[in-house]
Protein backbone atom coordinates (compact mmCIF):
# COMPACT_ATOMS: atom_id res chain seq x y z
CA MET A 1 10.35 18.47 7.52
CA SER A 2 7.07 18.50 5.90
CA ALA A 3 4.49 15.76 5.91
CA LEU A 4 5.12 15.58 2.18
CA ASP A 5 8.78 15.03 2.51
CA LEU A 6 8.39 12.56 5.30
CA LEU A 7 6.04 10.50 3.36
CA ARG A 8 8.07 10.72 0.13
CA GLY A 9 11.15 9.24 2.21
CA ILE A 10 9.30 6.46 3.78
CA ASN A 11 7.79 5.59 0.35
CA ASP A 12 11.47 5.76 -1.28
CA SER A 13 12.68 3.20 1.45
CA ALA A 14 10.04 0.59 0.54
CA ALA A 15 11.09 -1.84 -2.18
CA PHE A 16 7.43 -2.75 -2.99
CA ASN A 17 6.26 0.73 -3.43
CA ARG A 18 9.26 1.55 -5.71
CA TRP A 19 8.36 -1.65 -7.77
CA ALA A 20 4.85 -0.92 -7.92
CA GLY A 21 5.56 2.64 -8.93
CA PHE A 22 3.55 4.39 -5.96
CA GLU A 23 4.10 8.16 -5.78
CA VAL A 24 3.16 10.44 -2.81
CA THR A 25 1.34 13.47 -4.44
CA ALA A 26 0.12 15.03 -1.33
CA ALA A 27 0.27 15.09 2.46
CA GLY A 28 -1.01 17.05 5.28
CA GLU A 29 -1.94 16.53 9.27
CA GLY A 30 -3.83 13.33 9.16
CA ASN A 31 -4.16 12.87 5.57
CA ALA A 32 -2.16 11.61 2.41
CA GLU A 33 -2.56 10.83 -1.29
CA ILE A 34 -0.77 8.36 -3.46
CA ARG A 35 -0.73 7.94 -7.28
CA LEU A 36 -0.16 4.69 -9.28
CA ALA A 37 0.14 4.91 -13.12
CA TRP A 38 -1.33 2.06 -14.99
CA LYS A 39 1.01 -0.48 -16.23
CA PRO A 40 -0.10 -3.91 -17.58
CA GLU A 41 2.06 -6.11 -15.12
CA LEU A 42 -0.25 -4.70 -12.51
CA GLY A 43 -3.28 -6.22 -13.87
CA GLN A 44 -5.20 -9.33 -13.36
CA TYR A 45 -6.32 -11.94 -16.18
CA ALA A 46 -9.17 -9.34 -17.34
CA GLY A 47 -7.14 -6.43 -17.40
CA PHE A 48 -8.13 -4.67 -14.13
CA LEU A 49 -5.87 -3.53 -11.68
CA HIS A 50 -5.32 -6.62 -9.56
CA ALA A 51 -7.24 -6.56 -6.18
CA GLY A 52 -4.02 -7.20 -4.19
CA LEU A 53 -2.73 -3.70 -5.68
CA THR A 54 -6.13 -2.25 -4.63
CA GLY A 55 -5.69 -3.20 -1.10
CA ALA A 56 -1.83 -2.42 -1.10
CA LEU A 57 -2.87 1.11 -2.16
CA ILE A 58 -5.42 1.32 0.57
CA ASP A 59 -3.18 -0.17 3.04
CA THR A 60 -0.21 2.38 2.22
CA VAL A 61 -2.30 5.49 1.95
CA CYS A 62 -3.96 4.77 5.35
CA GLY A 63 -0.35 4.22 6.98
CA PHE A 64 0.76 7.30 5.27
CA ALA A 65 -1.97 9.50 6.75
CA ALA A 66 -1.33 7.85 10.29
CA ALA A 67 2.30 8.47 9.96
CA THR A 68 1.54 12.42 9.82
CA VAL A 69 -0.27 12.16 13.14
CA VAL A 70 1.70 9.63 15.34
CA GLY A 71 4.90 8.67 13.40
CA ARG A 72 5.68 5.04 12.38
CA VAL A 73 2.65 2.48 12.58
CA LEU A 74 1.97 -1.14 11.66
CA ALA A 75 -1.24 -2.64 10.44
CA SER A 76 -3.35 -4.46 12.61
CA HIS A 77 -6.44 -4.96 10.39
CA TYR A 78 -7.57 -3.73 7.08
CA SER A 79 -10.69 -4.17 4.78
CA VAL A 80 -11.11 -3.22 1.19
CA ASN A 81 -14.39 -2.99 -0.46
CA CYS A 82 -14.12 -3.34 -4.35
CA LEU A 83 -16.97 -1.20 -5.83
CA ARG A 84 -16.12 -1.71 -9.72
CA PRO A 85 -13.56 -2.92 -11.87
CA ALA A 86 -10.46 -0.63 -11.46
CA VAL A 87 -9.98 0.43 -14.88
CA GLY A 88 -7.91 3.48 -15.87
CA GLU A 89 -4.84 5.52 -16.93
CA ALA A 90 -3.83 6.14 -13.26
CA PHE A 91 -5.25 5.48 -9.70
CA VAL A 92 -5.38 8.10 -7.00
CA ALA A 93 -5.73 6.72 -3.21
CA ARG A 94 -6.69 9.27 -0.71
CA GLY A 95 -6.45 8.32 3.04
CA ARG A 96 -7.18 10.17 6.25
CA VAL A 97 -7.21 9.67 9.93
CA VAL A 98 -10.48 8.90 11.29
CA ARG A 99 -9.10 8.73 15.16
CA ALA A 100 -6.02 8.65 16.58
CA GLY A 101 -5.42 7.09 20.04
CA LYS A 102 -2.28 6.10 21.81
CA ARG A 103 -2.06 2.76 20.56
CA GLN A 104 -4.38 2.30 17.71
CA VAL A 105 -5.23 4.58 14.76
CA PHE A 106 -8.53 4.37 12.73
CA THR A 107 -8.08 5.34 8.95
CA ALA A 108 -10.31 5.33 5.88
CA ALA A 109 -9.45 5.76 2.31
CA ASP A 110 -10.86 6.08 -1.19
CA LEU A 111 -9.65 4.69 -4.29
CA PHE A 112 -10.21 6.42 -7.81
CA ALA A 113 -9.47 5.25 -11.35
CA VAL A 114 -8.43 8.18 -13.55
CA LYS A 115 -9.24 8.21 -17.11
CA ASP A 116 -9.59 10.94 -19.50
CA GLY A 117 -9.05 13.34 -16.65
CA LYS A 118 -12.33 12.11 -14.69
CA GLU A 119 -11.79 10.27 -11.36
CA THR A 120 -14.31 7.20 -10.74
CA LEU A 121 -14.42 5.75 -7.30
CA VAL A 122 -13.53 2.12 -7.53
CA ALA A 123 -12.68 1.00 -4.05
CA THR A 124 -12.91 2.19 -0.35
CA GLY A 125 -11.10 0.81 2.63
CA GLU A 126 -10.40 1.18 6.35
CA THR A 127 -7.53 0.18 8.69
CA ILE A 128 -6.71 0.03 12.19
CA LEU A 129 -2.99 0.51 12.77
CA MET A 130 -0.89 0.16 15.65
CA THR A 131 1.35 2.64 17.01
CA GLU A 132 5.12 1.54 17.47
CA ALA A 133 5.38 2.88 20.86
C-alpha cells in the first residue's frame, strides 16, 4: 500500500476530518500534505479560518507525516504560530518528520492560504508525537 493510500484510509476513518473536509493530497516517506477548501462555517467572527482549525490542520498533517515512517502515533505536544489572518479559497498544510525515534517523533508543518492560485504562509507549527508501541 502506498503512503498516499494509507493516509487517505486513515483520513476517511476520522469523523472530524470528514466533517471539516480535510483531503490528503500528497504523501511520501516522512511527509504529507492535506488540503481544506474554505467554507464559512470554518471561520471565526471576522471571517478568517478559525485558529482551532489552523491547529487541527497542523496537528493532523504532522501526524500523517509521522505515520508514513512509524505507523500510528498519538500527540504528546503541539504548538502553532499564527503569522497572519488565514484568509483564502483553500488551505494547504505540509508536514514533515524532523526526527523519528523509537518512542517519539518530532515533526514540523507549514500552513498556506491559497487565493487566486497563490500560496501565502499563514501559520507554522511543530509536534511531538508518541509511537503506539
